[in-house]
């Protein structure tokens, strides 16, 4: 037969475990209800472009993946090398997270054919299994950039009509194709901000 002291200890033990469980459930519920949610800037329209291998690329290629996009062109000597360097740093930081992908969209479709982008990717040590370089028809790119990402894009004019005036911002896209954040690609603080917001999107997806 159990002694009164032993019974009391058992009851206190059961009570302590119960309180811990109740507290854990309450904390989990509070965390879920107060999790940081990023602003939704709208869903990207479907697009029809090609990648650095000449393969068709649409929004469906990114279904189920969080991805980061930027705008570049391969003969750019101003901001583009910095943006590509920052994107490479992000790719390296997230090399163990297969759920995240990257896309660099050329804003010079006349000059940046798939083979040009493929050479550019190789020169910058991009992992093209995760980092896609996109080109295509000028109208399709302008529509995606301006109407989809809501980023500025202009051109110099002339016979080649090469678009060289473009946004230096990175865009964060969730697994359903919605733009959820913008970041100055030239700002050193952009990388930790993007990494933090990717964590927020992953937490949001697990709710």
N, C-alpha and C. Protein backbone atom coordinates (compact mmCIF):
# COMPACT_ATOMS: atom_id res chain seq x y z
N UNK A 1 0.84 -1.19 0.00
CA UNK A 1 0.00 0.00 0.00
C UNK A 1 0.88 1.26 0.00
N UNK A 2 0.52 2.26 -0.82
CA UNK A 2 1.31 3.47 -0.97
C UNK A 2 1.15 4.35 0.26
N UNK A 3 2.29 4.88 0.76
CA UNK A 3 2.26 5.74 1.93
C UNK A 3 1.67 7.09 1.56
N UNK A 4 1.14 7.84 2.55
CA UNK A 4 0.58 9.17 2.27
C UNK A 4 1.60 10.10 1.62
N UNK A 5 2.87 10.01 2.10
CA UNK A 5 3.90 10.88 1.54
C UNK A 5 4.16 10.55 0.07
N UNK A 6 4.18 9.26 -0.25
CA UNK A 6 4.41 8.84 -1.64
C UNK A 6 3.25 9.28 -2.52
N UNK A 7 2.03 9.13 -2.00
CA UNK A 7 0.86 9.56 -2.75
C UNK A 7 0.89 11.05 -3.04
N UNK A 8 1.32 11.79 -2.03
CA UNK A 8 1.38 13.24 -2.20
C UNK A 8 2.40 13.62 -3.26
N UNK A 9 3.56 12.95 -3.21
CA UNK A 9 4.59 13.23 -4.22
C UNK A 9 4.10 12.88 -5.63
N UNK A 10 3.37 11.77 -5.74
CA UNK A 10 2.84 11.36 -7.04
C UNK A 10 1.85 12.38 -7.58
N UNK A 11 0.97 12.86 -6.68
CA UNK A 11 -0.01 13.86 -7.09
C UNK A 11 0.66 15.16 -7.53
N UNK A 12 1.68 15.56 -6.77
CA UNK A 12 2.40 16.77 -7.14
C UNK A 12 3.11 16.59 -8.49
N UNK A 13 3.63 15.40 -8.72
CA UNK A 13 4.29 15.11 -9.99
C UNK A 13 3.32 15.18 -11.15
N UNK A 14 2.14 14.58 -10.96
CA UNK A 14 1.11 14.62 -12.01
C UNK A 14 0.67 16.05 -12.27
N UNK A 15 0.51 16.81 -11.19
CA UNK A 15 0.09 18.20 -11.32
C UNK A 15 1.14 19.02 -12.07
N UNK A 16 2.42 18.79 -11.75
CA UNK A 16 3.50 19.54 -12.41
C UNK A 16 3.54 19.25 -13.90
N UNK A 17 3.42 17.96 -14.26
CA UNK A 17 3.43 17.58 -15.67
C UNK A 17 2.24 18.20 -16.40
N UNK A 18 1.08 18.18 -15.75
CA UNK A 18 -0.12 18.75 -16.36
C UNK A 18 0.05 20.25 -16.61
N UNK A 19 0.62 20.95 -15.63
CA UNK A 19 0.84 22.38 -15.79
C UNK A 19 1.82 22.67 -16.91
N UNK A 20 2.87 21.85 -17.01
CA UNK A 20 3.83 22.03 -18.09
C UNK A 20 3.18 21.83 -19.45
N UNK A 21 2.33 20.81 -19.56
CA UNK A 21 1.63 20.55 -20.82
C UNK A 21 0.70 21.69 -21.18
N UNK A 22 -0.05 22.17 -20.18
CA UNK A 22 -0.98 23.28 -20.42
C UNK A 22 -0.21 24.54 -20.84
N UNK A 23 0.92 24.79 -20.15
CA UNK A 23 1.73 25.94 -20.49
C UNK A 23 2.31 25.84 -21.90
N UNK A 24 2.77 24.63 -22.26
CA UNK A 24 3.33 24.43 -23.60
C UNK A 24 2.29 24.65 -24.68
N UNK A 25 1.08 24.14 -24.45
CA UNK A 25 0.00 24.33 -25.43
C UNK A 25 -0.35 25.81 -25.56
N UNK A 26 -0.39 26.51 -24.43
CA UNK A 26 -0.72 27.94 -24.45
C UNK A 26 0.34 28.74 -25.20
N UNK A 27 1.62 28.39 -24.96
CA UNK A 27 2.71 29.10 -25.65
C UNK A 27 2.66 28.84 -27.15
N UNK A 28 2.41 27.57 -27.52
CA UNK A 28 2.33 27.23 -28.95
C UNK A 28 1.18 27.96 -29.62
N UNK A 29 0.04 28.05 -28.92
CA UNK A 29 -1.11 28.75 -29.48
C UNK A 29 -0.83 30.24 -29.62
N UNK A 30 -0.19 30.82 -28.61
CA UNK A 30 0.13 32.25 -28.67
C UNK A 30 1.11 32.52 -29.80
N UNK A 31 2.12 31.65 -29.94
CA UNK A 31 3.12 31.83 -31.01
C UNK A 31 2.47 31.77 -32.37
N UNK A 32 1.54 30.82 -32.55
CA UNK A 32 0.87 30.69 -33.84
C UNK A 32 0.02 31.91 -34.14
N UNK A 33 -0.67 32.42 -33.12
CA UNK A 33 -1.56 33.56 -33.32
C UNK A 33 -0.78 34.85 -33.54
N UNK A 34 0.45 34.94 -33.01
CA UNK A 34 1.21 36.18 -33.07
C UNK A 34 2.43 36.07 -33.99
N UNK A 35 2.49 35.02 -34.79
CA UNK A 35 3.61 34.87 -35.72
C UNK A 35 3.65 36.04 -36.70
N UNK A 36 4.86 36.47 -37.01
CA UNK A 36 5.01 37.61 -37.92
C UNK A 36 4.57 37.22 -39.32
N UNK A 37 3.65 38.00 -39.88
CA UNK A 37 3.17 37.74 -41.23
C UNK A 37 3.62 38.87 -42.15
N UNK A 38 4.17 38.48 -43.28
CA UNK A 38 4.65 39.48 -44.23
C UNK A 38 3.50 40.03 -45.05
N UNK A 39 3.68 41.25 -45.52
CA UNK A 39 2.68 41.87 -46.37
C UNK A 39 2.58 41.11 -47.69
N UNK A 40 1.38 41.08 -48.26
CA UNK A 40 1.15 40.42 -49.55
C UNK A 40 0.98 41.50 -50.61
N UNK A 41 1.91 41.53 -51.57
CA UNK A 41 1.86 42.54 -52.63
C UNK A 41 1.16 42.03 -53.89
N UNK A 42 0.55 40.86 -53.81
CA UNK A 42 -0.20 40.33 -54.94
C UNK A 42 0.50 39.17 -55.62
N UNK A 43 -0.29 38.38 -56.32
CA UNK A 43 0.23 37.20 -57.00
C UNK A 43 0.81 37.59 -58.36
N UNK A 44 1.92 36.97 -58.70
CA UNK A 44 2.52 37.21 -60.01
C UNK A 44 1.63 36.63 -61.10
N UNK A 45 1.56 37.28 -62.25
CA UNK A 45 0.84 36.68 -63.38
C UNK A 45 1.68 35.53 -63.94
N UNK A 46 1.03 34.59 -64.59
CA UNK A 46 1.82 33.56 -65.23
C UNK A 46 2.67 34.20 -66.32
N UNK A 47 3.82 33.62 -66.56
CA UNK A 47 4.71 34.18 -67.58
C UNK A 47 5.28 33.04 -68.41
N UNK A 48 5.74 33.39 -69.59
CA UNK A 48 6.34 32.41 -70.49
C UNK A 48 7.69 32.92 -70.96
N UNK A 49 8.75 32.44 -70.30
CA UNK A 49 10.11 32.84 -70.61
C UNK A 49 10.94 31.58 -70.90
N UNK A 50 12.24 31.74 -71.06
CA UNK A 50 13.12 30.59 -71.22
C UNK A 50 14.29 30.75 -70.25
N UNK A 51 14.86 29.60 -69.85
CA UNK A 51 15.98 29.67 -68.92
C UNK A 51 17.31 29.62 -69.66
N UNK A 52 18.38 29.51 -68.91
CA UNK A 52 19.72 29.55 -69.48
C UNK A 52 20.03 28.33 -70.35
N UNK A 53 19.19 27.32 -70.27
CA UNK A 53 19.36 26.14 -71.13
C UNK A 53 18.43 26.18 -72.35
N UNK A 54 17.65 27.25 -72.45
CA UNK A 54 16.70 27.36 -73.55
C UNK A 54 15.40 26.62 -73.28
N UNK A 55 15.20 26.15 -72.04
CA UNK A 55 13.99 25.43 -71.68
C UNK A 55 12.88 26.42 -71.29
N UNK A 56 11.63 26.10 -71.61
CA UNK A 56 10.53 26.98 -71.20
C UNK A 56 10.48 27.13 -69.67
N UNK A 57 10.17 28.32 -69.24
CA UNK A 57 10.06 28.61 -67.80
C UNK A 57 8.81 29.43 -67.56
N UNK A 58 7.98 28.95 -66.65
CA UNK A 58 6.75 29.65 -66.29
C UNK A 58 6.67 29.74 -64.78
N UNK A 59 5.61 30.37 -64.29
CA UNK A 59 5.43 30.47 -62.84
C UNK A 59 5.33 29.10 -62.20
N UNK A 60 4.83 28.12 -62.94
CA UNK A 60 4.68 26.78 -62.39
C UNK A 60 6.02 26.13 -62.04
N UNK A 61 7.08 26.57 -62.69
CA UNK A 61 8.41 26.04 -62.36
C UNK A 61 8.77 26.29 -60.90
N UNK A 62 8.14 27.32 -60.31
CA UNK A 62 8.48 27.71 -58.95
C UNK A 62 7.40 27.30 -57.94
N UNK A 63 6.37 26.60 -58.40
CA UNK A 63 5.30 26.17 -57.50
C UNK A 63 5.86 25.41 -56.31
N UNK A 64 5.40 25.76 -55.12
CA UNK A 64 5.82 25.05 -53.92
C UNK A 64 7.16 25.49 -53.37
N UNK A 65 7.78 26.48 -54.00
CA UNK A 65 9.09 26.97 -53.56
C UNK A 65 9.01 28.45 -53.21
N UNK A 66 9.67 28.81 -52.13
CA UNK A 66 9.94 30.22 -51.86
C UNK A 66 11.09 30.61 -52.78
N UNK A 67 11.03 31.80 -53.39
CA UNK A 67 12.14 32.19 -54.25
C UNK A 67 12.42 33.68 -54.20
N UNK A 68 13.66 34.00 -54.53
CA UNK A 68 14.12 35.38 -54.54
C UNK A 68 14.46 35.74 -55.98
N UNK A 69 13.98 36.89 -56.44
CA UNK A 69 14.20 37.32 -57.82
C UNK A 69 14.92 38.66 -57.86
N UNK A 70 15.75 38.85 -58.89
CA UNK A 70 16.33 40.16 -59.14
C UNK A 70 16.39 40.41 -60.64
N UNK A 71 16.74 41.64 -61.02
CA UNK A 71 16.83 42.05 -62.41
C UNK A 71 18.28 42.38 -62.75
N UNK A 72 18.77 41.81 -63.84
CA UNK A 72 20.15 42.04 -64.25
C UNK A 72 20.24 42.10 -65.77
N UNK A 73 21.40 42.43 -66.31
CA UNK A 73 21.75 42.09 -67.69
C UNK A 73 23.26 41.90 -67.73
N UNK A 74 23.71 41.00 -68.60
CA UNK A 74 25.06 40.47 -68.47
C UNK A 74 26.17 41.46 -68.78
N UNK A 75 25.91 42.49 -69.60
CA UNK A 75 26.97 43.45 -69.91
C UNK A 75 26.89 44.69 -69.03
N UNK A 76 26.05 44.63 -68.01
CA UNK A 76 25.93 45.73 -67.05
C UNK A 76 27.22 45.81 -66.23
N UNK A 77 27.73 47.03 -66.09
CA UNK A 77 28.96 47.22 -65.32
C UNK A 77 28.74 48.07 -64.08
N UNK A 78 27.48 48.36 -63.77
CA UNK A 78 27.20 49.20 -62.60
C UNK A 78 26.68 48.35 -61.45
N UNK A 79 25.36 48.25 -61.29
CA UNK A 79 24.79 47.59 -60.13
C UNK A 79 24.70 46.07 -60.28
N UNK A 80 24.63 45.57 -61.51
CA UNK A 80 24.36 44.13 -61.70
C UNK A 80 25.39 43.20 -61.08
N UNK A 81 26.70 43.48 -61.22
CA UNK A 81 27.67 42.60 -60.55
C UNK A 81 27.46 42.53 -59.03
N UNK A 82 27.07 43.65 -58.44
CA UNK A 82 26.80 43.66 -57.00
C UNK A 82 25.58 42.80 -56.68
N UNK A 83 24.52 42.95 -57.49
CA UNK A 83 23.31 42.16 -57.26
C UNK A 83 23.60 40.67 -57.39
N UNK A 84 24.37 40.31 -58.40
CA UNK A 84 24.69 38.89 -58.60
C UNK A 84 25.54 38.36 -57.45
N UNK A 85 26.45 39.17 -56.98
CA UNK A 85 27.27 38.78 -55.83
C UNK A 85 26.41 38.57 -54.59
N UNK A 86 25.45 39.47 -54.37
CA UNK A 86 24.55 39.33 -53.22
C UNK A 86 23.66 38.09 -53.35
N UNK A 87 23.21 37.82 -54.58
CA UNK A 87 22.39 36.64 -54.80
C UNK A 87 23.20 35.37 -54.54
N UNK A 88 24.45 35.37 -54.98
CA UNK A 88 25.32 34.23 -54.73
C UNK A 88 25.49 34.01 -53.22
N UNK A 89 25.63 35.09 -52.47
CA UNK A 89 25.76 34.98 -51.01
C UNK A 89 24.51 34.38 -50.39
N UNK A 90 23.34 34.79 -50.90
CA UNK A 90 22.09 34.20 -50.41
C UNK A 90 22.01 32.72 -50.74
N UNK A 91 22.36 32.38 -51.99
CA UNK A 91 22.33 30.97 -52.39
C UNK A 91 23.25 30.14 -51.49
N UNK A 92 24.42 30.67 -51.19
CA UNK A 92 25.37 29.96 -50.34
C UNK A 92 24.82 29.79 -48.93
N UNK A 93 24.20 30.85 -48.41
CA UNK A 93 23.64 30.79 -47.05
C UNK A 93 22.52 29.76 -46.95
N UNK A 94 21.81 29.54 -48.06
CA UNK A 94 20.65 28.65 -48.05
C UNK A 94 20.91 27.35 -48.80
N UNK A 95 22.17 26.96 -48.92
CA UNK A 95 22.51 25.78 -49.71
C UNK A 95 21.91 24.49 -49.14
N UNK A 96 21.60 24.50 -47.85
CA UNK A 96 21.03 23.30 -47.22
C UNK A 96 19.50 23.37 -47.13
N UNK A 97 18.92 24.36 -47.77
CA UNK A 97 17.46 24.49 -47.76
C UNK A 97 16.93 24.33 -49.18
N UNK A 98 16.53 23.12 -49.58
CA UNK A 98 16.10 22.88 -50.96
C UNK A 98 14.76 23.52 -51.30
N UNK A 99 14.07 24.07 -50.31
CA UNK A 99 12.76 24.68 -50.57
C UNK A 99 12.88 26.08 -51.17
N UNK A 100 14.09 26.64 -51.14
CA UNK A 100 14.29 28.02 -51.61
C UNK A 100 15.03 28.01 -52.95
N UNK A 101 14.53 28.81 -53.88
CA UNK A 101 15.17 28.95 -55.19
C UNK A 101 15.43 30.42 -55.50
N UNK A 102 16.10 30.65 -56.62
CA UNK A 102 16.52 31.99 -56.99
C UNK A 102 16.30 32.18 -58.49
N UNK A 103 16.01 33.42 -58.88
CA UNK A 103 15.80 33.73 -60.31
C UNK A 103 16.36 35.10 -60.62
N UNK A 104 17.20 35.15 -61.64
CA UNK A 104 17.70 36.43 -62.15
C UNK A 104 17.10 36.63 -63.53
N UNK A 105 16.37 37.73 -63.68
CA UNK A 105 15.65 38.00 -64.92
C UNK A 105 16.42 39.04 -65.72
N UNK A 106 16.80 38.69 -66.94
CA UNK A 106 17.52 39.64 -67.79
C UNK A 106 16.56 40.70 -68.31
N UNK A 107 16.98 41.94 -68.20
CA UNK A 107 16.20 43.04 -68.77
C UNK A 107 16.80 43.51 -70.09
N UNK A 108 17.67 42.68 -70.65
CA UNK A 108 18.21 42.91 -71.99
C UNK A 108 18.00 41.64 -72.82
N UNK A 109 16.75 41.33 -73.17
CA UNK A 109 16.48 40.07 -73.86
C UNK A 109 17.12 39.96 -75.24
N UNK A 110 17.40 41.12 -75.87
CA UNK A 110 18.04 41.04 -77.19
C UNK A 110 19.50 40.61 -77.07
N UNK A 111 20.16 41.07 -76.04
CA UNK A 111 21.56 40.71 -75.87
C UNK A 111 21.78 39.44 -75.08
N UNK A 112 20.85 39.14 -74.16
CA UNK A 112 21.02 37.99 -73.27
C UNK A 112 20.22 36.79 -73.75
N UNK A 113 20.81 36.05 -74.65
CA UNK A 113 20.24 34.79 -75.10
C UNK A 113 20.58 33.71 -74.08
N UNK A 114 19.93 32.55 -74.17
CA UNK A 114 20.21 31.50 -73.18
C UNK A 114 21.69 31.15 -73.03
N UNK A 115 22.43 31.06 -74.14
CA UNK A 115 23.84 30.70 -74.02
C UNK A 115 24.63 31.80 -73.31
N UNK A 116 24.24 33.07 -73.52
CA UNK A 116 24.89 34.18 -72.83
C UNK A 116 24.65 34.08 -71.33
N UNK A 117 23.42 33.78 -70.96
CA UNK A 117 23.10 33.64 -69.54
C UNK A 117 23.78 32.42 -68.93
N UNK A 118 23.89 31.36 -69.71
CA UNK A 118 24.56 30.15 -69.21
C UNK A 118 26.03 30.45 -68.91
N UNK A 119 26.68 31.18 -69.79
CA UNK A 119 28.07 31.56 -69.55
C UNK A 119 28.20 32.50 -68.35
N UNK A 120 27.24 33.41 -68.23
CA UNK A 120 27.24 34.35 -67.09
C UNK A 120 27.07 33.58 -65.78
N UNK A 121 26.16 32.62 -65.77
CA UNK A 121 25.94 31.80 -64.56
C UNK A 121 27.20 31.05 -64.18
N UNK A 122 27.87 30.47 -65.17
CA UNK A 122 29.10 29.73 -64.89
C UNK A 122 30.20 30.64 -64.36
N UNK A 123 30.30 31.83 -64.93
CA UNK A 123 31.32 32.78 -64.50
C UNK A 123 31.11 33.23 -63.06
N UNK A 124 29.85 33.18 -62.61
CA UNK A 124 29.54 33.63 -61.23
C UNK A 124 29.26 32.45 -60.30
N UNK A 125 29.63 31.24 -60.75
CA UNK A 125 29.56 30.04 -59.91
C UNK A 125 28.16 29.77 -59.37
N UNK A 126 27.16 30.06 -60.18
CA UNK A 126 25.77 29.85 -59.76
C UNK A 126 25.41 28.37 -59.84
N UNK A 127 24.70 27.90 -58.84
CA UNK A 127 24.16 26.53 -58.85
C UNK A 127 22.85 26.57 -59.64
N UNK A 128 22.92 26.24 -60.91
CA UNK A 128 21.75 26.39 -61.78
C UNK A 128 20.68 25.32 -61.55
N UNK A 129 20.93 24.40 -60.63
CA UNK A 129 19.84 23.50 -60.24
C UNK A 129 18.84 24.22 -59.34
N UNK A 130 19.27 25.37 -58.78
CA UNK A 130 18.42 26.15 -57.89
C UNK A 130 18.27 27.60 -58.34
N UNK A 131 19.25 28.07 -59.09
CA UNK A 131 19.29 29.48 -59.49
C UNK A 131 19.07 29.54 -61.00
N UNK A 132 17.93 30.09 -61.40
CA UNK A 132 17.54 30.14 -62.80
C UNK A 132 17.78 31.53 -63.37
N UNK A 133 18.30 31.57 -64.60
CA UNK A 133 18.50 32.83 -65.31
C UNK A 133 17.52 32.88 -66.46
N UNK A 134 16.68 33.93 -66.48
CA UNK A 134 15.55 33.97 -67.39
C UNK A 134 15.68 35.06 -68.43
N UNK A 135 15.25 34.75 -69.64
CA UNK A 135 15.16 35.72 -70.71
C UNK A 135 13.92 35.39 -71.53
N UNK A 136 13.68 36.14 -72.59
CA UNK A 136 12.48 35.88 -73.40
C UNK A 136 12.12 37.09 -74.24
N UNK A 137 10.88 37.17 -74.62
CA UNK A 137 10.41 38.30 -75.41
C UNK A 137 10.39 39.57 -74.56
N UNK A 138 10.76 40.68 -75.19
CA UNK A 138 10.81 41.96 -74.46
C UNK A 138 9.49 42.29 -73.78
N UNK A 139 8.39 42.12 -74.51
CA UNK A 139 7.07 42.44 -73.93
C UNK A 139 6.78 41.58 -72.72
N UNK A 140 7.13 40.30 -72.79
CA UNK A 140 6.86 39.39 -71.67
C UNK A 140 7.65 39.80 -70.43
N UNK A 141 8.89 40.22 -70.64
CA UNK A 141 9.72 40.64 -69.50
C UNK A 141 9.20 41.95 -68.91
N UNK A 142 8.87 42.90 -69.76
CA UNK A 142 8.34 44.17 -69.28
C UNK A 142 7.05 43.96 -68.49
N UNK A 143 6.18 43.09 -69.01
CA UNK A 143 4.90 42.82 -68.33
C UNK A 143 5.13 42.20 -66.97
N UNK A 144 6.03 41.22 -66.91
CA UNK A 144 6.32 40.55 -65.63
C UNK A 144 6.91 41.53 -64.63
N UNK A 145 7.88 42.31 -65.07
CA UNK A 145 8.58 43.22 -64.15
C UNK A 145 7.65 44.33 -63.68
N UNK A 146 6.95 44.97 -64.61
CA UNK A 146 6.14 46.13 -64.25
C UNK A 146 4.79 45.77 -63.64
N UNK A 147 4.09 44.82 -64.25
CA UNK A 147 2.75 44.48 -63.78
C UNK A 147 2.75 43.37 -62.73
N UNK A 148 3.79 42.55 -62.73
CA UNK A 148 3.87 41.46 -61.77
C UNK A 148 4.63 41.84 -60.52
N UNK A 149 5.90 42.22 -60.71
CA UNK A 149 6.72 42.60 -59.56
C UNK A 149 6.52 44.05 -59.15
N UNK A 150 5.88 44.85 -60.00
CA UNK A 150 5.65 46.28 -59.72
C UNK A 150 6.96 47.01 -59.47
N UNK A 151 7.94 46.70 -60.32
CA UNK A 151 9.25 47.35 -60.24
C UNK A 151 9.46 48.21 -61.48
N UNK A 152 10.18 49.32 -61.32
CA UNK A 152 10.42 50.20 -62.48
C UNK A 152 11.39 49.56 -63.48
N UNK A 153 11.15 49.84 -64.75
CA UNK A 153 12.02 49.36 -65.81
C UNK A 153 11.88 50.30 -66.98
N UNK A 154 13.01 50.80 -67.47
CA UNK A 154 13.00 51.73 -68.59
C UNK A 154 14.14 51.37 -69.53
N UNK A 155 14.20 52.05 -70.67
CA UNK A 155 15.23 51.74 -71.65
C UNK A 155 15.87 53.01 -72.15
N UNK A 156 17.03 52.86 -72.79
CA UNK A 156 17.77 54.00 -73.28
C UNK A 156 17.24 54.46 -74.62
N UNK A 157 16.60 53.59 -75.37
CA UNK A 157 16.11 53.95 -76.69
C UNK A 157 17.17 53.67 -77.74
N UNK A 158 16.96 54.20 -78.93
CA UNK A 158 17.89 53.91 -80.01
C UNK A 158 17.47 52.64 -80.73
N UNK A 159 18.27 52.24 -81.69
CA UNK A 159 17.90 51.09 -82.51
C UNK A 159 17.80 49.81 -81.71
N UNK A 160 18.71 49.63 -80.77
CA UNK A 160 18.70 48.38 -80.00
C UNK A 160 17.63 48.39 -78.90
N UNK A 161 17.23 49.55 -78.48
CA UNK A 161 16.20 49.68 -77.43
C UNK A 161 16.54 48.81 -76.22
N UNK A 162 17.81 48.88 -75.80
CA UNK A 162 18.29 48.03 -74.71
C UNK A 162 17.85 48.60 -73.36
N UNK A 163 17.08 47.85 -72.58
CA UNK A 163 16.65 48.35 -71.27
C UNK A 163 17.78 48.26 -70.26
N UNK A 164 18.30 49.38 -69.84
CA UNK A 164 19.39 49.34 -68.87
C UNK A 164 19.04 50.05 -67.57
N UNK A 165 17.90 50.72 -67.51
CA UNK A 165 17.49 51.40 -66.29
C UNK A 165 16.49 50.51 -65.58
N UNK A 166 16.92 49.90 -64.49
CA UNK A 166 16.06 48.94 -63.81
C UNK A 166 16.24 49.02 -62.30
N UNK A 167 15.34 48.41 -61.59
CA UNK A 167 15.37 48.44 -60.13
C UNK A 167 16.49 47.56 -59.58
N UNK A 168 17.16 48.01 -58.50
CA UNK A 168 18.16 47.18 -57.84
C UNK A 168 17.57 46.32 -56.72
N UNK A 169 16.25 46.26 -56.67
CA UNK A 169 15.60 45.58 -55.54
C UNK A 169 15.47 44.08 -55.80
N UNK A 170 15.61 43.32 -54.72
CA UNK A 170 15.28 41.91 -54.72
C UNK A 170 13.80 41.78 -54.34
N UNK A 171 13.15 40.78 -54.89
CA UNK A 171 11.75 40.50 -54.52
C UNK A 171 11.68 39.09 -53.94
N UNK A 172 10.96 38.96 -52.85
CA UNK A 172 10.75 37.65 -52.21
C UNK A 172 9.37 37.15 -52.58
N UNK A 173 9.30 35.94 -53.12
CA UNK A 173 8.04 35.36 -53.59
C UNK A 173 7.75 34.10 -52.79
N UNK A 174 6.50 33.94 -52.35
CA UNK A 174 6.17 32.76 -51.56
C UNK A 174 5.86 31.56 -52.45
N UNK A 175 5.55 30.44 -51.81
CA UNK A 175 5.36 29.19 -52.55
C UNK A 175 4.10 29.18 -53.41
N UNK A 176 3.24 30.19 -53.23
CA UNK A 176 2.02 30.28 -54.04
C UNK A 176 2.13 31.37 -55.11
N UNK A 177 3.32 31.94 -55.27
CA UNK A 177 3.53 32.93 -56.32
C UNK A 177 3.18 34.35 -55.95
N UNK A 178 3.05 34.63 -54.65
CA UNK A 178 2.73 35.99 -54.20
C UNK A 178 4.01 36.71 -53.78
N UNK A 179 4.16 37.96 -54.21
CA UNK A 179 5.30 38.76 -53.79
C UNK A 179 5.08 39.19 -52.35
N UNK A 180 6.08 38.91 -51.49
CA UNK A 180 5.89 39.17 -50.06
C UNK A 180 6.92 40.13 -49.47
N UNK A 181 7.87 40.59 -50.27
CA UNK A 181 8.84 41.52 -49.73
C UNK A 181 9.75 42.09 -50.80
N UNK A 182 10.28 43.30 -50.54
CA UNK A 182 11.24 43.97 -51.42
C UNK A 182 12.44 44.41 -50.58
N UNK A 183 13.62 44.36 -51.19
CA UNK A 183 14.86 44.66 -50.46
C UNK A 183 15.85 45.33 -51.42
N UNK A 184 16.56 46.30 -50.93
CA UNK A 184 17.59 46.96 -51.71
C UNK A 184 18.77 46.02 -51.86
N UNK A 185 19.00 45.54 -53.08
CA UNK A 185 20.05 44.56 -53.29
C UNK A 185 21.44 45.07 -53.02
N UNK A 186 21.64 46.39 -53.04
CA UNK A 186 22.96 46.95 -52.79
C UNK A 186 23.21 47.21 -51.31
N UNK A 187 22.20 47.06 -50.49
CA UNK A 187 22.30 47.34 -49.06
C UNK A 187 22.80 46.09 -48.33
N UNK A 188 23.89 46.18 -47.57
CA UNK A 188 24.41 45.02 -46.85
C UNK A 188 23.40 44.40 -45.88
N UNK A 189 22.43 45.21 -45.41
CA UNK A 189 21.45 44.69 -44.45
C UNK A 189 20.35 43.88 -45.14
N UNK A 190 20.36 43.86 -46.47
CA UNK A 190 19.29 43.15 -47.16
C UNK A 190 19.34 41.65 -46.95
N UNK A 191 20.54 41.07 -46.89
CA UNK A 191 20.65 39.62 -46.76
C UNK A 191 20.05 39.11 -45.47
N UNK A 192 20.43 39.64 -44.29
CA UNK A 192 19.78 39.15 -43.06
C UNK A 192 18.27 39.38 -43.06
N UNK A 193 17.81 40.47 -43.68
CA UNK A 193 16.37 40.73 -43.73
C UNK A 193 15.67 39.69 -44.59
N UNK A 194 16.26 39.34 -45.72
CA UNK A 194 15.65 38.31 -46.58
C UNK A 194 15.64 36.96 -45.88
N UNK A 195 16.75 36.60 -45.24
CA UNK A 195 16.82 35.31 -44.54
C UNK A 195 15.77 35.24 -43.43
N UNK A 196 15.60 36.34 -42.71
CA UNK A 196 14.59 36.38 -41.65
C UNK A 196 13.19 36.23 -42.22
N UNK A 197 12.92 36.89 -43.35
CA UNK A 197 11.59 36.83 -43.94
C UNK A 197 11.32 35.46 -44.58
N UNK A 198 12.36 34.80 -45.06
CA UNK A 198 12.18 33.43 -45.57
C UNK A 198 11.77 32.52 -44.41
N UNK A 199 12.38 32.69 -43.25
CA UNK A 199 11.98 31.93 -42.07
C UNK A 199 10.52 32.20 -41.74
N UNK A 200 10.10 33.46 -41.82
CA UNK A 200 8.71 33.81 -41.53
C UNK A 200 7.76 33.14 -42.50
N UNK A 201 8.13 33.07 -43.78
CA UNK A 201 7.27 32.40 -44.77
C UNK A 201 7.21 30.90 -44.51
N UNK A 202 8.31 30.31 -44.11
CA UNK A 202 8.30 28.87 -43.83
C UNK A 202 7.44 28.58 -42.61
N UNK A 203 7.50 29.45 -41.60
CA UNK A 203 6.66 29.28 -40.42
C UNK A 203 5.18 29.46 -40.79
N UNK A 204 4.92 30.41 -41.66
CA UNK A 204 3.55 30.66 -42.12
C UNK A 204 3.01 29.45 -42.85
N UNK A 205 3.83 28.82 -43.68
CA UNK A 205 3.40 27.67 -44.46
C UNK A 205 3.11 26.46 -43.58
N UNK A 206 3.76 26.40 -42.42
CA UNK A 206 3.58 25.24 -41.53
C UNK A 206 2.39 25.39 -40.61
N UNK A 207 1.75 26.55 -40.62
CA UNK A 207 0.59 26.77 -39.72
C UNK A 207 -0.60 25.94 -40.16
